[in-house]
Amino acid sequence: MTATPTAEIAAQLPVCSICGGQLELARQGSASGHEPSAFSPSCHRTGEHGDFYRCRRCGTLHQPSLPRGSALYDIYRAVSDERYMVEERGRRRTARRLLDRLGKYVPEGRLLQVGCGYGLLLDEARRRGYAVEGVEPSIEAAGYAREQLGLPVRPLALEEADLRGERYDAILLVDVLEHLGDPRAALDRLPELLVPAGVLVIVTPDPSSLTARLAGANWWCYVPAHSCLIPRETLRQLLVVRDLDIVEDVASVHSFTPGYWLAGLGERGGWVGRAITQVAARLPRSLLLTASLRDERVLLARNLQTTGQHARRWQPGNCA
């Protein structure tokens, strides 16, 4: 249910970091702190986030109670996720599916993954012949990628990494954009790191999707770690006005064990959910179920800034 903050609270709210529009309360939360355990990739428990506010102009959802800058990175540095690698087989299959899409446009070359986590996608990309690099603020995740998989991963956030003079054929932000305190600044910087005709890949939730609207407060993306949830059309505008030509825009598809899918439902269903969780715990882990909830987009955009070409300029006047 959408609520309107009091005039006093509204006056204290920051404006939308995407377009400068006014914010209004969209989803009330209950979080009183910012524990690293609540920021782990596999944490999708509902109701533990702070208040989410929606921009009246571009529709972006913000969680303004989250820390910004170095204080936010300090939380991510301490993140540990015991459940993440339990679903390694499915996560690798999902990564291979994404790399199949990328390979149609960039079959080889230098590949940078921003927020690479434990390095599973980078490892799959390396097996295909890409020269891979990653940046990842979580000390545990970056350590696993370096020490267990032998990947060149810097234990840093994107804003902290010195990438001056570097150029990549592909840059991937997979489930990362929604975690950034200033996603617009990242989108300003990333085209400068791409070679001419290089491809930027973004996988991020879509709060304007039918699934998100039907799920309401139980949508899995209303979690403590999400700073900013950008609607599909707003994100498309952000890319196009930066001379990034969108070549694919499709719903993401994930592979997990049936138990993982059911456990996610169980976290949202009260006593029925608890029963579902018990069933999920007994299911065999040898099976993988591939499906799409159609509430997360995969966008591939080709860099036109230095090719002498120009994307069709979409001038919304609020996302430049």
Protein backbone atom coordinates (compact mmCIF):
# COMPACT_ATOMS: atom_id res chain seq x y z
CA MET A 1 0.00 0.00 0.00
CA THR A 2 1.37 3.41 -0.95
CA ALA A 3 1.51 6.02 1.77
CA THR A 4 2.36 9.69 1.77
CA PRO A 5 4.97 10.95 4.26
CA THR A 6 4.21 13.92 6.47
CA ALA A 7 5.30 17.33 5.23
CA GLU A 8 8.15 17.36 7.75
CA ILE A 9 9.51 13.99 6.61
CA ALA A 10 9.01 14.83 2.94
CA ALA A 11 11.02 18.02 3.34
CA GLN A 12 13.98 16.03 4.66
CA LEU A 13 14.00 13.49 1.82
CA PRO A 14 16.69 13.68 -0.85
CA VAL A 15 15.48 14.06 -4.42
CA CYS A 16 15.69 11.19 -6.88
CA SER A 17 19.35 10.54 -7.74
CA ILE A 18 18.32 9.46 -11.23
CA CYS A 19 16.24 12.42 -12.40
CA GLY A 20 15.96 14.90 -9.52
CA GLY A 21 12.25 14.28 -9.08
CA GLN A 22 10.30 14.30 -5.82
CA LEU A 23 10.02 11.12 -3.76
CA GLU A 24 6.95 9.65 -2.09
CA LEU A 25 6.69 6.74 0.32
CA ALA A 26 5.97 3.51 -1.58
CA ARG A 27 6.77 0.65 0.84
CA GLN A 28 7.20 0.93 4.57
CA GLY A 29 10.00 -1.08 6.11
CA SER A 30 11.08 -2.18 9.54
CA ALA A 31 14.89 -2.22 9.44
CA SER A 32 16.63 -0.50 12.32
CA GLY A 33 20.23 -1.38 11.41
CA HIS A 34 22.45 -2.46 8.55
CA GLU A 35 23.96 -5.84 9.39
CA PRO A 36 26.25 -7.38 6.71
CA SER A 37 24.28 -10.65 6.91
CA ALA A 38 21.23 -8.86 5.49
CA PHE A 39 23.29 -7.71 2.48
CA SER A 40 24.35 -11.18 1.31
CA PRO A 41 23.30 -12.12 -2.26
CA SER A 42 21.09 -15.00 -1.14
CA CYS A 43 19.20 -12.96 1.48
CA HIS A 44 15.70 -12.23 0.15
CA ARG A 45 13.73 -12.15 3.37
CA THR A 46 10.89 -9.68 3.14
CA GLY A 47 10.07 -6.86 5.52
CA GLU A 48 13.61 -6.32 6.83
CA HIS A 49 14.39 -3.33 4.64
CA GLY A 50 14.03 0.36 5.36
CA ASP A 51 11.35 2.54 3.78
CA PHE A 52 11.30 2.56 -0.03
CA TYR A 53 10.38 5.81 -1.78
CA ARG A 54 9.23 6.11 -5.41
CA CYS A 55 10.16 8.98 -7.69
CA ARG A 56 7.03 10.67 -9.01
CA ARG A 57 8.76 11.51 -12.28
CA CYS A 58 10.79 8.44 -13.39
CA GLY A 59 9.37 5.73 -11.11
CA THR A 60 12.71 4.73 -9.57
CA LEU A 61 12.50 3.26 -6.08
CA HIS A 62 15.02 4.42 -3.47
CA GLN A 63 15.93 3.25 0.02
CA PRO A 64 17.37 6.54 1.38
CA SER A 65 18.05 5.18 4.88
CA LEU A 66 21.00 3.18 3.55
CA PRO A 67 24.52 4.52 4.11
CA ARG A 68 26.36 6.03 1.17
CA GLY A 69 29.95 6.07 -0.02
CA SER A 70 32.61 4.44 2.15
CA ALA A 71 30.09 3.57 4.89
CA LEU A 72 28.14 1.44 2.39
CA TYR A 73 31.31 -0.21 1.09
CA ASP A 74 32.32 -1.10 4.65
CA ILE A 75 29.13 -3.15 4.95
CA TYR A 76 29.80 -4.99 1.70
CA ARG A 77 33.41 -5.66 2.67
CA ALA A 78 32.13 -7.66 5.64
CA VAL A 79 29.49 -9.64 3.70
CA SER A 80 29.69 -13.42 4.02
CA ASP A 81 27.24 -15.76 2.28
CA GLU A 82 27.33 -19.41 3.31
CA ARG A 83 24.40 -20.34 1.06
CA TYR A 84 25.73 -18.84 -2.18
CA MET A 85 27.98 -21.70 -3.28
CA VAL A 86 25.37 -24.33 -2.41
CA GLU A 87 23.70 -23.38 -5.72
CA GLU A 88 26.96 -23.35 -7.71
CA ARG A 89 25.75 -25.67 -10.48
CA GLY A 90 22.68 -23.57 -11.19
CA ARG A 91 24.57 -20.29 -10.94
CA ARG A 92 27.12 -21.55 -13.46
CA ARG A 93 24.37 -22.65 -15.84
CA THR A 94 22.77 -19.21 -15.53
CA ALA A 95 26.15 -17.59 -16.22
CA ARG A 96 26.69 -19.71 -19.33
CA ARG A 97 23.29 -18.66 -20.64
CA LEU A 98 24.22 -15.00 -20.21
CA LEU A 99 27.60 -15.52 -21.88
CA ASP A 100 25.84 -17.14 -24.85
CA ARG A 101 24.01 -13.84 -25.37
CA LEU A 102 27.16 -11.78 -25.00
CA GLY A 103 29.05 -14.05 -27.39
CA LYS A 104 26.82 -13.04 -30.30
CA TYR A 105 28.30 -9.53 -30.09
CA VAL A 106 31.64 -10.00 -28.28
CA PRO A 107 32.96 -13.54 -28.80
CA GLU A 108 36.41 -12.78 -27.35
CA GLY A 109 38.53 -10.06 -25.75
CA ARG A 110 38.89 -8.36 -22.39
CA LEU A 111 35.96 -8.75 -20.01
CA LEU A 112 35.41 -6.86 -16.75
CA GLN A 113 32.76 -7.90 -14.25
CA VAL A 114 31.79 -5.27 -11.70
CA GLY A 115 30.64 -6.89 -8.46
CA CYS A 116 31.82 -10.35 -9.53
CA GLY A 117 31.03 -12.04 -6.21
CA TYR A 118 32.65 -15.46 -5.84
CA GLY A 119 33.79 -15.43 -9.47
CA LEU A 120 31.62 -18.13 -11.02
CA LEU A 121 30.65 -16.13 -14.11
CA LEU A 122 34.23 -14.94 -14.58
CA ASP A 123 35.43 -18.54 -14.38
CA GLU A 124 32.93 -19.58 -17.05
CA ALA A 125 34.01 -16.64 -19.24
CA ARG A 126 37.68 -17.57 -18.85
CA ARG A 127 36.88 -21.12 -20.01
CA ARG A 128 35.53 -19.57 -23.22
CA GLY A 129 38.76 -17.70 -23.86
CA TYR A 130 37.97 -14.23 -22.51
CA ALA A 131 40.72 -12.33 -20.71
CA VAL A 132 38.82 -11.69 -17.49
CA GLU A 133 39.08 -9.24 -14.60
CA GLY A 134 36.77 -8.48 -11.71
CA VAL A 135 36.17 -6.01 -8.90
CA GLU A 136 34.31 -7.08 -5.78
CA PRO A 137 34.04 -5.28 -2.41
CA SER A 138 33.31 -8.40 -0.31
CA ILE A 139 36.62 -9.57 1.16
CA GLU A 140 35.35 -13.14 1.47
CA ALA A 141 33.96 -13.36 -2.07
CA ALA A 142 36.96 -11.68 -3.71
CA GLY A 143 39.29 -13.95 -1.71
CA TYR A 144 37.47 -17.06 -2.93
CA ALA A 145 37.65 -15.89 -6.55
CA ARG A 146 41.38 -15.23 -6.27
CA GLU A 147 42.52 -18.11 -4.08
CA GLN A 148 40.18 -20.94 -5.09
CA LEU A 149 39.57 -20.08 -8.75
CA GLY A 150 42.78 -18.20 -9.54
CA LEU A 151 40.96 -15.19 -10.97
CA PRO A 152 42.35 -11.63 -11.16
CA VAL A 153 39.84 -9.96 -8.85
CA ARG A 154 40.46 -6.70 -6.99
CA PRO A 155 38.83 -6.51 -3.52
CA LEU A 156 37.36 -3.09 -4.25
CA ALA A 157 34.15 -1.35 -5.22
CA LEU A 158 33.97 0.13 -8.72
CA GLU A 159 34.39 3.67 -7.38
CA GLU A 160 37.60 2.65 -5.57
CA ALA A 161 39.26 0.83 -8.48
CA ASP A 162 41.84 2.74 -10.53
CA LEU A 163 40.90 1.81 -14.10
CA ARG A 164 42.35 4.85 -15.83
CA GLY A 165 43.53 4.00 -19.33
CA GLU A 166 41.89 0.57 -19.29
CA ARG A 167 39.60 -0.50 -22.13
CA TYR A 168 37.38 -3.57 -22.22
CA ASP A 169 35.45 -5.35 -24.94
CA ALA A 170 32.69 -6.22 -22.47
CA ILE A 171 31.67 -4.97 -19.03
CA LEU A 172 29.11 -6.86 -16.96
CA LEU A 173 26.98 -5.65 -14.04
CA VAL A 174 24.97 -8.70 -13.00
CA ASP A 175 22.65 -7.96 -10.07
CA VAL A 176 24.83 -4.98 -9.17
CA LEU A 177 23.21 -1.75 -10.39
CA GLU A 178 20.50 -1.92 -7.72
CA HIS A 179 23.17 -2.04 -4.98
CA LEU A 180 25.00 1.13 -6.01
CA GLY A 181 24.57 4.32 -4.05
CA ASP A 182 24.91 6.35 -7.26
CA PRO A 183 24.04 4.20 -10.29
CA ARG A 184 23.94 7.20 -12.61
CA ALA A 185 27.61 7.97 -11.85
CA ALA A 186 28.52 4.37 -12.71
CA LEU A 187 26.67 4.63 -16.02
CA ASP A 188 28.56 7.84 -16.75
CA ARG A 189 31.89 6.11 -16.19
CA LEU A 190 31.45 2.70 -17.78
CA PRO A 191 31.18 3.77 -21.47
CA GLU A 192 34.60 5.40 -21.10
CA LEU A 193 36.01 1.97 -20.21
CA LEU A 194 34.57 0.26 -23.28
CA VAL A 195 36.32 -0.04 -26.63
CA PRO A 196 34.42 1.20 -29.70
CA ALA A 197 31.48 -1.18 -30.23
CA GLY A 198 32.17 -2.79 -26.86
CA VAL A 199 29.14 -4.12 -25.00
CA LEU A 200 27.78 -3.27 -21.57
CA VAL A 201 25.66 -6.02 -19.99
CA ILE A 202 23.26 -5.11 -17.17
CA VAL A 203 21.08 -7.57 -15.27
CA THR A 204 18.82 -5.81 -12.77
CA PRO A 205 15.32 -6.09 -11.26
CA ASP A 206 12.43 -4.26 -12.88
CA PRO A 207 10.02 -2.71 -10.34
CA SER A 208 7.60 -1.88 -13.16
CA SER A 209 7.17 -5.56 -14.12
CA LEU A 210 3.82 -7.27 -13.73
CA THR A 211 5.38 -9.75 -11.28
CA ALA A 212 6.63 -6.96 -9.02
CA ARG A 213 3.25 -5.25 -9.05
CA LEU A 214 1.34 -8.46 -8.30
CA ALA A 215 3.75 -9.49 -5.52
CA GLY A 216 3.43 -6.11 -3.79
CA ALA A 217 5.24 -5.94 -0.46
CA ASN A 218 6.33 -9.57 -0.87
CA TRP A 219 8.39 -8.90 -3.98
CA TRP A 220 11.83 -10.45 -3.48
CA CYS A 221 13.62 -7.19 -4.38
CA TYR A 222 12.38 -5.29 -1.35
CA VAL A 223 15.49 -6.19 0.66
CA PRO A 224 18.00 -4.24 2.80
CA ALA A 225 20.75 -4.34 0.17
CA HIS A 226 18.90 -2.60 -2.65
CA SER A 227 19.63 1.10 -2.80
CA CYS A 228 17.89 1.82 -6.06
CA LEU A 229 15.41 -0.12 -8.25
CA ILE A 230 15.17 1.39 -11.72
CA PRO A 231 12.15 0.70 -13.98
CA ARG A 232 12.87 -0.79 -17.36
CA GLU A 233 11.94 2.27 -19.43
CA THR A 234 13.93 4.63 -17.21
CA LEU A 235 16.98 2.38 -17.48
CA ARG A 236 16.64 2.27 -21.26
CA GLN A 237 16.63 6.08 -21.33
CA LEU A 238 19.71 6.21 -19.12
CA LEU A 239 21.58 3.99 -21.57
CA VAL A 240 20.44 5.61 -24.81
CA VAL A 241 21.31 9.17 -23.78
CA ARG A 242 24.83 7.93 -23.04
CA ASP A 243 25.25 6.70 -26.62
CA LEU A 244 24.73 3.09 -25.62
CA ASP A 245 22.72 1.35 -28.35
CA ILE A 246 20.47 -1.32 -26.82
CA VAL A 247 20.84 -4.51 -28.86
CA GLU A 248 18.96 -6.86 -26.52
CA ASP A 249 16.39 -6.35 -23.77
CA VAL A 250 14.99 -9.64 -22.47
CA ALA A 251 13.74 -11.20 -19.24
CA SER A 252 16.41 -13.00 -17.24
CA VAL A 253 16.31 -16.76 -16.80
CA HIS A 254 17.75 -18.52 -13.74
CA SER A 255 18.62 -22.09 -12.86
CA PHE A 256 18.33 -23.25 -9.24
CA THR A 257 17.46 -26.44 -7.42
CA PRO A 258 13.70 -26.87 -6.84
CA GLY A 259 14.40 -26.58 -3.12
CA TYR A 260 15.92 -23.12 -3.59
CA TRP A 261 12.92 -21.90 -5.59
CA LEU A 262 10.50 -23.28 -2.99
CA ALA A 263 12.50 -21.87 -0.08
CA GLY A 264 12.10 -18.42 -1.62
CA LEU A 265 8.35 -18.89 -1.69
CA GLY A 266 8.42 -20.21 1.86
CA GLU A 267 10.00 -17.02 3.17
CA ARG A 268 6.87 -15.13 2.07
CA GLY A 269 4.03 -17.39 3.14
CA GLY A 270 3.49 -17.39 6.92
CA TRP A 271 2.58 -20.86 8.27
CA VAL A 272 2.01 -22.11 4.72
CA GLY A 273 5.45 -20.82 3.85
CA ARG A 274 7.00 -22.66 6.76
CA ALA A 275 5.43 -25.87 5.50
CA ILE A 276 6.79 -25.19 2.01
CA THR A 277 10.25 -24.59 3.47
CA GLN A 278 10.16 -27.97 5.21
CA VAL A 279 9.23 -29.66 1.94
CA ALA A 280 11.99 -27.78 0.11
CA ALA A 281 14.61 -29.03 2.56
CA ARG A 282 13.78 -32.65 1.66
CA LEU A 283 13.99 -32.29 -2.12
CA PRO A 284 16.98 -33.82 -3.93
CA ARG A 285 19.73 -31.37 -4.85
CA SER A 286 20.61 -33.22 -8.05
CA LEU A 287 17.81 -31.52 -10.00
CA LEU A 288 17.89 -28.04 -11.53
CA LEU A 289 14.80 -26.05 -12.46
CA THR A 290 15.23 -23.30 -15.05
CA ALA A 291 12.62 -20.55 -15.07
CA SER A 292 12.01 -16.82 -15.40
CA LEU A 293 9.88 -14.72 -13.07
CA ARG A 294 9.95 -12.00 -15.75
CA ASP A 295 10.72 -9.32 -13.17
CA GLU A 296 14.41 -8.90 -13.99
CA ARG A 297 15.81 -7.55 -17.25
CA VAL A 298 18.93 -8.43 -19.21
CA LEU A 299 20.08 -5.47 -21.29
CA LEU A 300 22.99 -5.55 -23.71
CA ALA A 301 24.07 -2.15 -25.04
CA ARG A 302 26.77 -1.42 -27.60
CA ASN A 303 29.10 1.54 -27.08
CA LEU A 304 28.77 4.20 -29.76
CA GLN A 305 30.62 7.05 -28.02
CA THR A 306 33.89 6.62 -29.85
CA THR A 307 32.77 4.98 -33.11
CA GLY A 308 31.68 8.11 -34.93
CA GLN A 309 28.11 6.82 -34.76
CA HIS A 310 25.39 8.12 -32.51
CA ALA A 311 22.50 6.29 -30.96
CA ARG A 312 19.00 7.57 -31.59
CA ARG A 313 18.87 10.34 -29.04
CA TRP A 314 16.05 9.80 -26.61
CA GLN A 315 15.75 13.13 -24.82
CA PRO A 316 13.55 12.72 -21.76
CA GLY A 317 15.05 15.79 -20.14
CA ASN A 318 15.38 14.03 -16.80
CA CYS A 319 17.84 11.15 -17.13
CA ALA A 320 20.78 12.72 -18.95
